N, C-alpha and C. Protein backbone atom coordinates (compact mmCIF):
# COMPACT_ATOMS: atom_id res chain seq x y z
N UNK A 1 61.62 63.52 133.59
CA UNK A 1 61.39 62.46 132.64
C UNK A 1 62.28 62.71 131.41
N UNK A 2 63.02 61.70 131.02
CA UNK A 2 63.91 61.86 129.87
C UNK A 2 63.22 61.35 128.62
N UNK A 3 63.54 61.97 127.55
CA UNK A 3 63.03 61.59 126.25
C UNK A 3 63.88 60.43 125.73
N UNK A 4 63.25 59.42 125.17
CA UNK A 4 63.98 58.25 124.64
C UNK A 4 64.94 58.68 123.54
N UNK A 5 64.65 59.77 122.88
CA UNK A 5 65.53 60.24 121.80
C UNK A 5 66.87 60.75 122.34
N UNK A 6 66.94 61.10 123.63
CA UNK A 6 68.18 61.57 124.21
C UNK A 6 69.26 60.49 124.17
N UNK A 7 68.86 59.22 124.23
CA UNK A 7 69.82 58.14 124.22
C UNK A 7 70.11 57.63 122.82
N UNK A 8 69.35 58.06 121.86
CA UNK A 8 69.54 57.60 120.47
C UNK A 8 70.81 58.23 119.90
N UNK A 9 71.55 57.47 119.08
CA UNK A 9 72.73 58.04 118.47
C UNK A 9 72.36 59.15 117.48
N UNK A 10 73.19 60.17 117.45
CA UNK A 10 72.97 61.28 116.52
C UNK A 10 73.37 60.80 115.13
N UNK A 11 72.54 61.10 114.16
CA UNK A 11 72.79 60.68 112.77
C UNK A 11 73.22 61.87 111.92
N UNK A 12 73.94 61.59 110.88
CA UNK A 12 74.38 62.62 109.94
C UNK A 12 73.16 63.32 109.36
N UNK A 13 73.17 64.63 109.38
CA UNK A 13 72.07 65.41 108.79
C UNK A 13 70.92 65.62 109.72
N UNK A 14 71.02 65.11 110.95
CA UNK A 14 69.93 65.27 111.91
C UNK A 14 69.71 66.76 112.17
N UNK A 15 68.47 67.15 112.12
CA UNK A 15 68.14 68.57 112.36
C UNK A 15 68.33 69.45 111.13
N UNK A 16 68.50 68.82 109.97
CA UNK A 16 68.68 69.64 108.77
C UNK A 16 67.38 70.33 108.39
N UNK A 17 67.53 71.41 107.69
CA UNK A 17 66.40 72.23 107.27
C UNK A 17 66.06 71.97 105.82
N UNK A 18 64.84 72.33 105.40
CA UNK A 18 64.51 72.20 103.98
C UNK A 18 65.53 72.96 103.11
N UNK A 19 65.97 72.31 102.09
CA UNK A 19 66.97 72.91 101.22
C UNK A 19 68.40 72.50 101.57
N UNK A 20 68.59 71.99 102.79
CA UNK A 20 69.92 71.51 103.18
C UNK A 20 70.21 70.20 102.42
N UNK A 21 71.50 69.89 102.23
CA UNK A 21 71.80 68.63 101.56
C UNK A 21 71.28 67.45 102.36
N UNK A 22 70.93 66.39 101.65
CA UNK A 22 70.54 65.13 102.32
C UNK A 22 71.81 64.56 102.98
N UNK A 23 71.66 63.62 103.90
CA UNK A 23 72.86 63.00 104.47
C UNK A 23 73.79 62.42 103.40
N UNK A 24 73.27 61.77 102.39
CA UNK A 24 74.09 61.21 101.31
C UNK A 24 74.81 62.34 100.55
N UNK A 25 74.11 63.42 100.25
CA UNK A 25 74.72 64.55 99.56
C UNK A 25 75.81 65.19 100.42
N UNK A 26 75.55 65.30 101.73
CA UNK A 26 76.53 65.91 102.62
C UNK A 26 77.79 65.06 102.68
N UNK A 27 77.66 63.75 102.78
CA UNK A 27 78.81 62.87 102.84
C UNK A 27 79.57 62.95 101.51
N UNK A 28 78.87 62.98 100.40
CA UNK A 28 79.53 63.08 99.11
C UNK A 28 80.30 64.39 99.00
N UNK A 29 79.70 65.49 99.44
CA UNK A 29 80.41 66.78 99.41
C UNK A 29 81.62 66.75 100.32
N UNK A 30 81.49 66.12 101.47
CA UNK A 30 82.60 66.01 102.41
C UNK A 30 83.77 65.29 101.76
N UNK A 31 83.50 64.14 101.18
CA UNK A 31 84.56 63.36 100.57
C UNK A 31 85.15 64.08 99.38
N UNK A 32 84.31 64.70 98.55
CA UNK A 32 84.79 65.43 97.36
C UNK A 32 85.73 66.56 97.75
N UNK A 33 85.28 67.39 98.70
CA UNK A 33 86.08 68.57 99.05
C UNK A 33 87.34 68.18 99.83
N UNK A 34 87.23 67.15 100.67
CA UNK A 34 88.41 66.74 101.43
C UNK A 34 89.46 66.09 100.53
N UNK A 35 89.00 65.33 99.53
CA UNK A 35 89.93 64.78 98.56
C UNK A 35 90.64 65.92 97.80
N UNK A 36 89.88 66.89 97.37
CA UNK A 36 90.47 68.05 96.66
C UNK A 36 91.44 68.79 97.55
N UNK A 37 91.04 69.01 98.81
CA UNK A 37 91.90 69.75 99.72
C UNK A 37 93.21 69.05 100.02
N UNK A 38 93.12 67.74 100.23
CA UNK A 38 94.35 66.99 100.51
C UNK A 38 95.24 66.91 99.28
N UNK A 39 94.61 66.85 98.11
CA UNK A 39 95.38 66.88 96.86
C UNK A 39 96.11 68.23 96.75
N UNK A 40 95.37 69.32 96.99
CA UNK A 40 95.99 70.65 96.93
C UNK A 40 97.10 70.81 97.96
N UNK A 41 96.88 70.28 99.17
CA UNK A 41 97.90 70.38 100.23
C UNK A 41 99.17 69.65 99.82
N UNK A 42 99.01 68.47 99.26
CA UNK A 42 100.20 67.75 98.79
C UNK A 42 100.95 68.55 97.74
N UNK A 43 100.19 69.20 96.84
CA UNK A 43 100.85 69.99 95.80
C UNK A 43 101.54 71.23 96.38
N UNK A 44 100.97 71.82 97.43
CA UNK A 44 101.61 72.95 98.08
C UNK A 44 102.97 72.51 98.61
N UNK A 45 103.00 71.38 99.31
CA UNK A 45 104.28 70.91 99.86
C UNK A 45 105.24 70.50 98.75
N UNK A 46 104.75 69.98 97.64
CA UNK A 46 105.64 69.66 96.51
C UNK A 46 106.27 70.93 95.97
N UNK A 47 105.49 72.01 95.89
CA UNK A 47 106.02 73.30 95.45
C UNK A 47 107.06 73.84 96.42
N UNK A 48 106.77 73.73 97.70
CA UNK A 48 107.72 74.22 98.71
C UNK A 48 109.00 73.39 98.68
N UNK A 49 108.86 72.08 98.52
CA UNK A 49 110.03 71.21 98.47
C UNK A 49 110.88 71.48 97.22
N UNK A 50 110.23 71.86 96.11
CA UNK A 50 111.00 72.19 94.89
C UNK A 50 111.94 73.36 95.13
N UNK A 51 111.58 74.25 96.04
CA UNK A 51 112.40 75.42 96.31
C UNK A 51 113.28 75.21 97.56
N UNK A 52 112.70 74.64 98.59
CA UNK A 52 113.39 74.54 99.89
C UNK A 52 113.83 73.11 100.26
N UNK A 53 113.66 72.18 99.35
CA UNK A 53 113.93 70.78 99.67
C UNK A 53 115.35 70.49 100.10
N UNK A 54 116.30 71.25 99.65
CA UNK A 54 117.71 71.00 99.99
C UNK A 54 118.20 71.89 101.11
N UNK A 55 117.27 72.56 101.78
CA UNK A 55 117.65 73.39 102.93
C UNK A 55 117.34 72.62 104.21
N UNK A 56 117.59 73.25 105.33
CA UNK A 56 117.29 72.59 106.61
C UNK A 56 115.80 72.34 106.79
N UNK A 57 114.98 73.01 106.01
CA UNK A 57 113.52 72.85 106.11
C UNK A 57 113.00 71.64 105.29
N UNK A 58 113.83 71.09 104.43
CA UNK A 58 113.42 70.00 103.59
C UNK A 58 112.81 68.82 104.34
N UNK A 59 113.49 68.28 105.36
CA UNK A 59 112.89 67.13 106.08
C UNK A 59 111.56 67.45 106.74
N UNK A 60 111.40 68.64 107.25
CA UNK A 60 110.13 69.02 107.88
C UNK A 60 109.03 69.11 106.83
N UNK A 61 109.32 69.72 105.71
CA UNK A 61 108.34 69.82 104.63
C UNK A 61 107.99 68.42 104.09
N UNK A 62 108.98 67.56 103.98
CA UNK A 62 108.74 66.20 103.50
C UNK A 62 107.84 65.45 104.49
N UNK A 63 108.07 65.61 105.78
CA UNK A 63 107.22 64.97 106.80
C UNK A 63 105.77 65.41 106.63
N UNK A 64 105.54 66.71 106.47
CA UNK A 64 104.19 67.20 106.32
C UNK A 64 103.56 66.70 105.02
N UNK A 65 104.35 66.69 103.96
CA UNK A 65 103.85 66.19 102.66
C UNK A 65 103.47 64.70 102.80
N UNK A 66 104.27 63.93 103.49
CA UNK A 66 103.99 62.51 103.67
C UNK A 66 102.67 62.31 104.41
N UNK A 67 102.42 63.13 105.42
CA UNK A 67 101.15 63.01 106.14
C UNK A 67 99.98 63.39 105.24
N UNK A 68 100.15 64.44 104.43
CA UNK A 68 99.09 64.82 103.48
C UNK A 68 98.82 63.70 102.48
N UNK A 69 99.87 62.97 102.11
CA UNK A 69 99.69 61.85 101.17
C UNK A 69 98.83 60.75 101.80
N UNK A 70 99.02 60.48 103.09
CA UNK A 70 98.18 59.50 103.78
C UNK A 70 96.73 59.95 103.77
N UNK A 71 96.50 61.23 104.03
CA UNK A 71 95.12 61.78 104.01
C UNK A 71 94.55 61.63 102.60
N UNK A 72 95.33 62.02 101.60
CA UNK A 72 94.86 61.94 100.21
C UNK A 72 94.56 60.50 99.83
N UNK A 73 95.39 59.57 100.22
CA UNK A 73 95.15 58.17 99.91
C UNK A 73 93.83 57.68 100.51
N UNK A 74 93.54 58.11 101.72
CA UNK A 74 92.28 57.73 102.36
C UNK A 74 91.09 58.23 101.52
N UNK A 75 91.09 59.52 101.19
CA UNK A 75 89.96 60.06 100.42
C UNK A 75 89.94 59.52 98.99
N UNK A 76 91.10 59.19 98.45
CA UNK A 76 91.13 58.60 97.11
C UNK A 76 90.46 57.21 97.12
N UNK A 77 90.55 56.50 98.21
CA UNK A 77 89.85 55.21 98.33
C UNK A 77 88.35 55.43 98.54
N UNK A 78 87.98 56.51 99.25
CA UNK A 78 86.57 56.76 99.51
C UNK A 78 85.80 57.15 98.27
N UNK A 79 86.45 57.82 97.35
CA UNK A 79 85.79 58.29 96.10
C UNK A 79 85.11 57.12 95.39
N UNK A 80 85.80 56.05 94.99
CA UNK A 80 85.11 54.98 94.29
C UNK A 80 84.27 54.10 95.26
N UNK A 81 84.74 53.91 96.48
CA UNK A 81 84.00 53.06 97.41
C UNK A 81 82.60 53.63 97.70
N UNK A 82 82.49 54.92 97.71
CA UNK A 82 81.21 55.55 98.01
C UNK A 82 80.53 56.12 96.78
N UNK A 83 81.16 55.89 95.63
CA UNK A 83 80.62 56.39 94.37
C UNK A 83 80.38 57.89 94.40
N UNK A 84 81.45 58.58 94.77
CA UNK A 84 81.44 60.05 94.84
C UNK A 84 82.20 60.58 93.62
N UNK A 85 81.62 61.54 92.98
CA UNK A 85 82.30 62.21 91.87
C UNK A 85 83.35 63.14 92.43
N UNK A 86 84.62 63.01 92.00
CA UNK A 86 85.63 63.96 92.48
C UNK A 86 85.37 65.34 91.87
N UNK A 87 85.95 66.33 92.42
CA UNK A 87 85.79 67.67 91.86
C UNK A 87 86.38 67.74 90.45
N UNK A 88 85.73 68.49 89.62
CA UNK A 88 86.22 68.70 88.26
C UNK A 88 87.40 69.68 88.26
N UNK A 89 87.69 70.26 89.42
CA UNK A 89 88.73 71.30 89.51
C UNK A 89 90.12 70.78 89.88
N UNK A 90 90.30 69.43 89.94
CA UNK A 90 91.62 68.90 90.28
C UNK A 90 92.74 69.45 89.41
N UNK A 91 92.53 69.61 88.08
CA UNK A 91 93.62 70.19 87.29
C UNK A 91 93.99 71.61 87.74
N UNK A 92 93.00 72.38 88.17
CA UNK A 92 93.27 73.73 88.67
C UNK A 92 94.03 73.64 89.98
N UNK A 93 93.61 72.76 90.90
CA UNK A 93 94.29 72.63 92.20
C UNK A 93 95.68 72.07 92.02
N UNK A 94 95.91 71.29 90.96
CA UNK A 94 97.22 70.75 90.67
C UNK A 94 98.21 71.90 90.43
N UNK A 95 97.79 72.83 89.63
CA UNK A 95 98.66 73.97 89.30
C UNK A 95 98.67 74.98 90.45
N UNK A 96 97.51 75.35 90.93
CA UNK A 96 97.43 76.38 91.99
C UNK A 96 98.15 75.97 93.24
N UNK A 97 98.03 74.71 93.65
CA UNK A 97 98.73 74.24 94.85
C UNK A 97 100.24 74.37 94.71
N UNK A 98 100.75 73.90 93.58
CA UNK A 98 102.20 73.96 93.37
C UNK A 98 102.68 75.41 93.30
N UNK A 99 101.94 76.25 92.59
CA UNK A 99 102.33 77.67 92.48
C UNK A 99 102.31 78.35 93.85
N UNK A 100 101.27 78.08 94.63
CA UNK A 100 101.21 78.65 95.99
C UNK A 100 102.39 78.18 96.83
N UNK A 101 102.68 76.90 96.78
CA UNK A 101 103.81 76.39 97.56
C UNK A 101 105.15 76.93 97.10
N UNK A 102 105.41 76.88 95.83
CA UNK A 102 106.67 77.38 95.31
C UNK A 102 106.77 78.89 95.47
N UNK A 103 105.67 79.57 95.22
CA UNK A 103 105.68 81.05 95.33
C UNK A 103 105.98 81.52 96.73
N UNK A 104 105.35 80.92 97.71
CA UNK A 104 105.64 81.33 99.11
C UNK A 104 107.05 80.92 99.50
N UNK A 105 107.51 79.75 99.04
CA UNK A 105 108.87 79.33 99.35
C UNK A 105 109.90 80.27 98.73
N UNK A 106 109.61 80.80 97.54
CA UNK A 106 110.53 81.75 96.90
C UNK A 106 110.63 83.05 97.72
N UNK A 107 109.59 83.34 98.50
CA UNK A 107 109.65 84.51 99.40
C UNK A 107 110.49 84.21 100.64
N UNK A 108 110.80 82.96 100.86
CA UNK A 108 111.62 82.56 102.00
C UNK A 108 110.93 81.50 102.84
N UNK A 109 111.71 80.86 103.67
CA UNK A 109 111.18 79.77 104.51
C UNK A 109 110.08 80.27 105.44
N UNK A 110 110.21 81.46 105.98
CA UNK A 110 109.18 81.98 106.86
C UNK A 110 107.84 82.17 106.12
N UNK A 111 107.91 82.61 104.88
CA UNK A 111 106.70 82.78 104.09
C UNK A 111 106.09 81.41 103.76
N UNK A 112 106.92 80.43 103.49
CA UNK A 112 106.41 79.07 103.27
C UNK A 112 105.70 78.57 104.51
N UNK A 113 106.29 78.81 105.67
CA UNK A 113 105.67 78.39 106.94
C UNK A 113 104.39 79.19 107.20
N UNK A 114 104.38 80.46 106.81
CA UNK A 114 103.17 81.27 106.95
C UNK A 114 102.05 80.68 106.10
N UNK A 115 102.39 80.21 104.90
CA UNK A 115 101.42 79.55 104.04
C UNK A 115 100.87 78.31 104.76
N UNK A 116 101.74 77.53 105.34
CA UNK A 116 101.29 76.33 106.06
C UNK A 116 100.35 76.71 107.18
N UNK A 117 100.69 77.69 107.98
CA UNK A 117 99.85 78.11 109.10
C UNK A 117 98.47 78.53 108.58
N UNK A 118 98.44 79.35 107.56
CA UNK A 118 97.17 79.87 107.04
C UNK A 118 96.30 78.72 106.48
N UNK A 119 96.90 77.86 105.70
CA UNK A 119 96.14 76.74 105.12
C UNK A 119 95.61 75.84 106.25
N UNK A 120 96.47 75.50 107.19
CA UNK A 120 96.06 74.56 108.24
C UNK A 120 95.02 75.17 109.18
N UNK A 121 95.06 76.47 109.41
CA UNK A 121 94.01 77.09 110.21
C UNK A 121 92.67 77.06 109.50
N UNK A 122 92.67 77.26 108.18
CA UNK A 122 91.43 77.17 107.41
C UNK A 122 90.92 75.72 107.40
N UNK A 123 91.82 74.77 107.28
CA UNK A 123 91.43 73.35 107.27
C UNK A 123 90.92 72.92 108.65
N UNK A 124 91.53 73.41 109.70
CA UNK A 124 91.07 73.10 111.04
C UNK A 124 89.61 73.48 111.21
N UNK A 125 89.27 74.68 110.82
CA UNK A 125 87.90 75.16 110.90
C UNK A 125 86.96 74.30 110.08
N UNK A 126 87.40 73.95 108.89
CA UNK A 126 86.62 73.15 107.95
C UNK A 126 86.40 71.73 108.50
N UNK A 127 87.46 71.10 108.95
CA UNK A 127 87.34 69.73 109.49
C UNK A 127 86.53 69.70 110.79
N UNK A 128 86.67 70.72 111.61
CA UNK A 128 85.90 70.77 112.87
C UNK A 128 84.39 70.80 112.54
N UNK A 129 83.99 71.63 111.59
CA UNK A 129 82.58 71.71 111.20
C UNK A 129 82.09 70.39 110.64
N UNK A 130 82.90 69.72 109.86
CA UNK A 130 82.50 68.42 109.31
C UNK A 130 82.33 67.41 110.44
N UNK A 131 83.27 67.34 111.35
CA UNK A 131 83.19 66.35 112.44
C UNK A 131 81.95 66.58 113.29
N UNK A 132 81.58 67.84 113.48
CA UNK A 132 80.40 68.16 114.26
C UNK A 132 79.12 67.77 113.55
N UNK A 133 79.12 67.72 112.24
CA UNK A 133 77.92 67.42 111.45
C UNK A 133 77.76 65.92 111.22
N UNK A 134 78.84 65.20 111.11
CA UNK A 134 78.75 63.77 110.86
C UNK A 134 78.26 63.05 112.11
N UNK A 135 77.33 62.12 111.92
CA UNK A 135 76.74 61.39 113.04
C UNK A 135 77.40 60.07 113.27
N UNK A 136 76.77 59.30 114.18
CA UNK A 136 77.28 57.98 114.51
C UNK A 136 77.23 57.02 113.31
N UNK A 137 76.35 57.28 112.37
CA UNK A 137 76.29 56.46 111.17
C UNK A 137 77.50 56.64 110.28
N UNK A 138 78.28 57.68 110.53
CA UNK A 138 79.50 57.98 109.80
C UNK A 138 80.68 58.09 110.76
N UNK A 139 80.70 57.23 111.78
CA UNK A 139 81.74 57.30 112.82
C UNK A 139 83.14 57.08 112.25
N UNK A 140 83.28 56.17 111.30
CA UNK A 140 84.61 55.90 110.74
C UNK A 140 85.13 57.12 109.97
N UNK A 141 84.27 57.71 109.14
CA UNK A 141 84.66 58.92 108.39
C UNK A 141 84.97 60.05 109.35
N UNK A 142 84.11 60.26 110.34
CA UNK A 142 84.33 61.31 111.34
C UNK A 142 85.66 61.09 112.08
N UNK A 143 85.93 59.83 112.47
CA UNK A 143 87.16 59.52 113.16
C UNK A 143 88.40 59.82 112.32
N UNK A 144 88.33 59.50 111.03
CA UNK A 144 89.44 59.80 110.13
C UNK A 144 89.65 61.30 110.01
N UNK A 145 88.55 62.03 109.85
CA UNK A 145 88.65 63.48 109.75
C UNK A 145 89.23 64.08 111.02
N UNK A 146 88.83 63.58 112.18
CA UNK A 146 89.37 64.10 113.44
C UNK A 146 90.87 63.78 113.56
N UNK A 147 91.28 62.59 113.14
CA UNK A 147 92.69 62.25 113.16
C UNK A 147 93.49 63.16 112.21
N UNK A 148 92.97 63.38 111.00
CA UNK A 148 93.63 64.23 110.05
C UNK A 148 93.68 65.67 110.57
N UNK A 149 92.61 66.10 111.21
CA UNK A 149 92.57 67.45 111.78
C UNK A 149 93.71 67.63 112.79
N UNK A 150 93.93 66.64 113.63
CA UNK A 150 95.02 66.71 114.61
C UNK A 150 96.36 66.87 113.92
N UNK A 151 96.56 66.14 112.81
CA UNK A 151 97.82 66.26 112.07
C UNK A 151 97.95 67.60 111.40
N UNK A 152 96.83 68.16 110.91
CA UNK A 152 96.87 69.49 110.31
C UNK A 152 97.25 70.53 111.35
N UNK A 153 96.73 70.36 112.58
CA UNK A 153 97.11 71.30 113.67
C UNK A 153 98.59 71.14 114.02
N UNK A 154 99.09 69.92 113.91
CA UNK A 154 100.54 69.71 114.11
C UNK A 154 101.32 70.50 113.06
N UNK A 155 100.86 70.48 111.82
CA UNK A 155 101.53 71.26 110.75
C UNK A 155 101.49 72.75 111.06
N UNK A 156 100.32 73.23 111.53
CA UNK A 156 100.24 74.65 111.92
C UNK A 156 101.26 74.96 112.98
N UNK A 157 101.37 74.12 113.99
CA UNK A 157 102.31 74.33 115.08
C UNK A 157 103.76 74.31 114.59
N UNK A 158 104.05 73.44 113.65
CA UNK A 158 105.39 73.38 113.04
C UNK A 158 105.67 74.70 112.35
N UNK A 159 104.70 75.22 111.59
CA UNK A 159 104.87 76.50 110.93
C UNK A 159 105.14 77.61 111.92
N UNK A 160 104.37 77.65 112.99
CA UNK A 160 104.58 78.69 114.01
C UNK A 160 105.95 78.55 114.67
N UNK A 161 106.37 77.33 114.94
CA UNK A 161 107.68 77.09 115.55
C UNK A 161 108.82 77.49 114.61
N UNK A 162 108.54 77.53 113.31
CA UNK A 162 109.55 77.91 112.32
C UNK A 162 109.38 79.36 111.87
N UNK A 163 108.89 80.17 112.75
CA UNK A 163 108.85 81.65 112.59
C UNK A 163 107.92 82.14 111.48
N UNK A 164 106.82 81.45 111.26
CA UNK A 164 105.86 81.89 110.25
C UNK A 164 105.43 83.32 110.46
N UNK A 165 105.21 83.68 111.73
CA UNK A 165 104.69 85.02 112.01
C UNK A 165 105.70 86.12 111.75
N UNK A 166 106.95 85.75 111.48
CA UNK A 166 107.96 86.74 111.15
C UNK A 166 108.13 86.94 109.65
N UNK A 167 107.30 86.27 108.89
CA UNK A 167 107.34 86.43 107.42
C UNK A 167 106.95 87.85 107.06
N UNK A 168 107.52 88.37 105.99
CA UNK A 168 107.14 89.72 105.52
C UNK A 168 105.64 89.76 105.22
N UNK A 169 104.98 90.78 105.71
CA UNK A 169 103.54 90.98 105.47
C UNK A 169 102.73 89.76 105.91
N UNK A 170 103.09 89.20 107.06
CA UNK A 170 102.44 87.95 107.55
C UNK A 170 100.95 88.05 107.57
N UNK A 171 100.41 89.10 108.17
CA UNK A 171 98.95 89.21 108.29
C UNK A 171 98.26 89.25 106.92
N UNK A 172 98.82 90.01 106.02
CA UNK A 172 98.24 90.12 104.67
C UNK A 172 98.34 88.79 103.95
N UNK A 173 99.52 88.18 103.99
CA UNK A 173 99.74 86.89 103.34
C UNK A 173 98.79 85.83 103.91
N UNK A 174 98.69 85.78 105.21
CA UNK A 174 97.84 84.80 105.89
C UNK A 174 96.37 85.01 105.51
N UNK A 175 95.92 86.25 105.55
CA UNK A 175 94.52 86.54 105.24
C UNK A 175 94.19 86.18 103.79
N UNK A 176 95.10 86.47 102.89
CA UNK A 176 94.86 86.15 101.46
C UNK A 176 94.79 84.65 101.25
N UNK A 177 95.70 83.90 101.87
CA UNK A 177 95.71 82.45 101.72
C UNK A 177 94.47 81.84 102.34
N UNK A 178 94.10 82.28 103.53
CA UNK A 178 92.89 81.74 104.18
C UNK A 178 91.64 82.02 103.33
N UNK A 179 91.55 83.21 102.79
CA UNK A 179 90.40 83.55 101.92
C UNK A 179 90.37 82.64 100.71
N UNK A 180 91.52 82.44 100.09
CA UNK A 180 91.61 81.54 98.94
C UNK A 180 91.19 80.12 99.29
N UNK A 181 91.62 79.64 100.46
CA UNK A 181 91.24 78.30 100.90
C UNK A 181 89.73 78.18 101.09
N UNK A 182 89.14 79.19 101.67
CA UNK A 182 87.69 79.14 101.92
C UNK A 182 86.91 79.14 100.60
N UNK A 183 87.39 79.88 99.63
CA UNK A 183 86.73 79.88 98.31
C UNK A 183 86.90 78.53 97.67
N UNK A 184 88.12 77.99 97.72
CA UNK A 184 88.39 76.68 97.11
C UNK A 184 87.53 75.58 97.77
N UNK A 185 87.32 75.68 99.07
CA UNK A 185 86.45 74.72 99.76
C UNK A 185 85.04 74.78 99.24
N UNK A 186 84.49 75.97 99.21
CA UNK A 186 83.08 76.13 98.77
C UNK A 186 82.88 75.66 97.33
N UNK A 187 83.83 76.01 96.45
CA UNK A 187 83.69 75.62 95.05
C UNK A 187 83.87 74.11 94.87
N UNK A 188 84.85 73.53 95.58
CA UNK A 188 85.15 72.11 95.39
C UNK A 188 84.06 71.21 95.95
N UNK A 189 83.26 71.72 96.88
CA UNK A 189 82.15 70.89 97.40
C UNK A 189 81.15 70.58 96.31
N UNK A 190 80.97 71.50 95.38
CA UNK A 190 79.89 71.38 94.43
C UNK A 190 80.34 71.10 92.99
N UNK A 191 81.50 71.58 92.61
CA UNK A 191 81.92 71.46 91.20
C UNK A 191 82.76 70.21 90.99
């Protein structure tokens, strides 16, 4: 005998525990942090382009930046449409993103690509968790996140194809950038 609930669409926040965010709070956090993350990603590529824009890597970096801009535009529309407060940390991500992009690019194209791989791997994990939590009531948001996730994985693959793993101190650089991304995600959800 099947339970009638087995056929019911899964809703955002279903199975949440006491103290967990409400579905509305979860969606607001999702939009806030994804807006901040896409803003930071665009700034990373702007920093990389400032250093490597006139090299053979310029068109590739511009392509990735253009995709991040599409993602950012989507979340920028969601902020007022859903009455979500953006993170108060955008001025920090404005500077930090550019510095991270330019700083890794100054270490060389491989280091810039290592930055891309590390950021995109952290974002892949983040977007996957969001897509798994969003229910059928948020199918459009979940679909956008899944599409953006696929493009972020494309960026990771571009970084790997451009010898990211041959960057000096790749493992250390990658671990530091991933840790920074995870902290930025947690803080931007709430602040």
